[in-house]
C-alpha atoms as a PDB file:
ATOM      1  CA  MET A   1      81.500 142.772 149.507  1.00  0.00           C
ATOM      2  CA  GLU A   2      80.605 138.927 150.275  1.00  0.00           C
ATOM      3  CA  ALA A   3      79.608 137.611 147.461  1.00  0.00           C
ATOM      4  CA  VAL A   4      76.413 136.002 149.590  1.00  0.00           C
ATOM      5  CA  ILE A   5      75.343 139.340 150.502  1.00  0.00           C
ATOM      6  CA  LEU A   6      76.273 141.172 147.165  1.00  0.00           C
ATOM      7  CA  LYS A   7      74.027 138.596 145.262  1.00  0.00           C
ATOM      8  CA  ASN A   8      71.096 138.931 147.700  1.00  0.00           C
ATOM      9  CA  LYS A   9      71.514 142.952 147.558  1.00  0.00           C
ATOM     10  CA  ILE A  10      71.391 142.924 143.360  1.00  0.00           C
ATOM     11  CA  GLN A  11      68.028 139.924 143.576  1.00  0.00           C
ATOM     12  CA  SER A  12      66.844 142.700 145.321  1.00  0.00           C
ATOM     13  CA  TYR A  13      68.050 145.000 143.036  1.00  0.00           C
ATOM     14  CA  LEU A  14      66.378 142.329 140.227  1.00  0.00           C
ATOM     15  CA  ASP A  15      63.249 142.276 141.781  1.00  0.00           C
ATOM     16  CA  ASN A  16      62.376 145.827 142.043  1.00  0.00           C
ATOM     17  CA  ALA A  17      63.605 145.927 138.921  1.00  0.00           C
ATOM     18  CA  ASP A  18      61.956 148.083 135.594  1.00  0.00           C
ATOM     19  CA  GLU A  19      62.328 146.938 132.511  1.00  0.00           C
ATOM     20  CA  ARG A  20      64.676 149.315 130.860  1.00  0.00           C
ATOM     21  CA  VAL A  21      66.882 148.060 134.333  1.00  0.00           C
ATOM     22  CA  LEU A  22      66.043 145.103 133.011  1.00  0.00           C
ATOM     23  CA  ALA A  23      67.690 145.089 129.979  1.00  0.00           C
ATOM     24  CA  ILE A  24      70.457 147.273 130.751  1.00  0.00           C
ATOM     25  CA  VAL A  25      71.607 143.843 133.044  1.00  0.00           C
ATOM     26  CA  ASN A  26      70.968 141.340 130.214  1.00  0.00           C
ATOM     27  CA  GLY A  27      73.233 143.669 128.075  1.00  0.00           C
ATOM     28  CA  VAL A  28      75.868 143.261 130.622  1.00  0.00           C
ATOM     29  CA  PHE A  29      75.994 139.813 131.763  1.00  0.00           C
ATOM     30  CA  GLU A  30      75.722 138.750 128.012  1.00  0.00           C
ATOM     31  CA  ASN A  31      78.839 141.190 126.689  1.00  0.00           C
ATOM     32  CA  TYR A  32      80.507 139.586 129.886  1.00  0.00           C
ATOM     33  CA  TYR A  33      79.925 136.089 129.008  1.00  0.00           C
ATOM     34  CA  LYS A  34      79.617 136.399 126.134  1.00  0.00           C
ATOM     35  CA  ASP A  35      83.799 134.603 124.753  1.00  0.00           C
ATOM     36  CA  GLU A  36      83.159 132.325 127.839  1.00  0.00           C
ATOM     37  CA  THR A  37      83.576 128.216 126.737  1.00  0.00           C
ATOM     38  CA  VAL A  38      81.110 126.870 126.878  1.00  0.00           C
ATOM     39  CA  ALA A  39      81.800 123.672 124.159  1.00  0.00           C
ATOM     40  CA  PHE A  40      84.579 122.550 121.855  1.00  0.00           C
ATOM     41  CA  HIS A  41      84.543 121.974 118.469  1.00  0.00           C
ATOM     42  CA  PRO A  42      84.950 117.836 117.352  1.00  0.00           C
ATOM     43  CA  ASP A  43      88.530 119.380 116.722  1.00  0.00           C
ATOM     44  CA  GLY A  44      88.784 119.870 120.470  1.00  0.00           C
ATOM     45  CA  THR A  45      89.492 123.827 120.241  1.00  0.00           C
ATOM     46  CA  PRO A  46      87.088 125.921 122.587  1.00  0.00           C
ATOM     47  CA  MET A  47      83.387 127.274 121.237  1.00  0.00           C
ATOM     48  CA  SER A  48      82.844 130.759 122.686  1.00  0.00           C
ATOM     49  CA  ARG A  49      79.208 130.863 123.893  1.00  0.00           C
ATOM     50  CA  HIS A  50      78.680 133.321 120.236  1.00  0.00           C
ATOM     51  CA  GLU A  51      79.598 131.086 118.220  1.00  0.00           C
ATOM     52  CA  TYR A  52      77.333 128.127 120.175  1.00  0.00           C
ATOM     53  CA  LYS A  53      74.578 130.422 119.745  1.00  0.00           C
ATOM     54  CA  VAL A  54      75.473 130.164 115.936  1.00  0.00           C
ATOM     55  CA  ALA A  55      76.811 126.173 115.589  1.00  0.00           C
ATOM     56  CA  LEU A  56      72.359 126.158 117.054  1.00  0.00           C
ATOM     57  CA  ASP A  57      70.615 128.417 114.847  1.00  0.00           C
ATOM     58  CA  THR A  58      72.858 126.926 111.642  1.00  0.00           C
ATOM     59  CA  ALA A  59      71.071 123.241 113.225  1.00  0.00           C
ATOM     60  CA  GLU A  60      67.773 124.193 114.224  1.00  0.00           C
ATOM     61  CA  GLU A  61      67.428 125.976 109.964  1.00  0.00           C
ATOM     62  CA  GLN A  62      69.026 122.875 108.616  1.00  0.00           C
ATOM     63  CA  ILE A  63      66.215 120.901 110.630  1.00  0.00           C
ATOM     64  CA  ASN A  64      63.394 123.300 109.436  1.00  0.00           C
ATOM     65  CA  ASN A  65      64.572 122.532 106.244  1.00  0.00           C
ATOM     66  CA  GLY A  66      64.726 118.745 106.826  1.00  0.00           C
ATOM     67  CA  ASP A  67      69.102 119.038 105.735  1.00  0.00           C
ATOM     68  CA  PHE A  68      69.548 115.583 107.803  1.00  0.00           C
ATOM     69  CA  ILE A  69      69.190 111.989 106.974  1.00  0.00           C
ATOM     70  CA  SER A  70      67.641 109.166 109.806  1.00  0.00           C
ATOM     71  CA  VAL A  71      70.093 107.545 111.807  1.00  0.00           C
ATOM     72  CA  GLU A  72      69.753 104.520 109.929  1.00  0.00           C
ATOM     73  CA  GLU A  73      71.332 106.657 106.674  1.00  0.00           C
ATOM     74  CA  PHE A  74      73.698 107.703 109.129  1.00  0.00           C
ATOM     75  CA  GLU A  75      75.001 103.634 110.718  1.00  0.00           C
ATOM     76  CA  GLN A  76      74.375 102.427 106.112  1.00  0.00           C
ATOM     77  CA  GLN A  77      76.975 105.719 105.796  1.00  0.00           C
ATOM     78  CA  LYS A  78      79.371 104.177 108.537  1.00  0.00           C
ATOM     79  CA  ILE A  79      79.483 100.929 107.080  1.00  0.00           C
ATOM     80  CA  MET A  80      79.571 101.915 103.775  1.00  0.00           C
ATOM     81  CA  GLY A  81      82.970 104.133 104.495  1.00  0.00           C
ATOM     82  CA  ASN A  82      80.816 107.171 103.374  1.00  0.00           C
END
């Protein structure tokens, strides 16, 4: 089946879907894309969608806990070689 036709057919189903069907479809997509490379670690190794989400959650927690430095502090550390 042509991709455009299939997408339109699926969209029609989604437009009329109840919460249960939407949860099932969401689960299928999340499982399908969970190992997809979406970013890269600083060393250049690939980062999966799951790893990326964990990294974002960790960063958000650090920010909420005040565990960060200002740009000025970062630049000063860089100048001092730390």
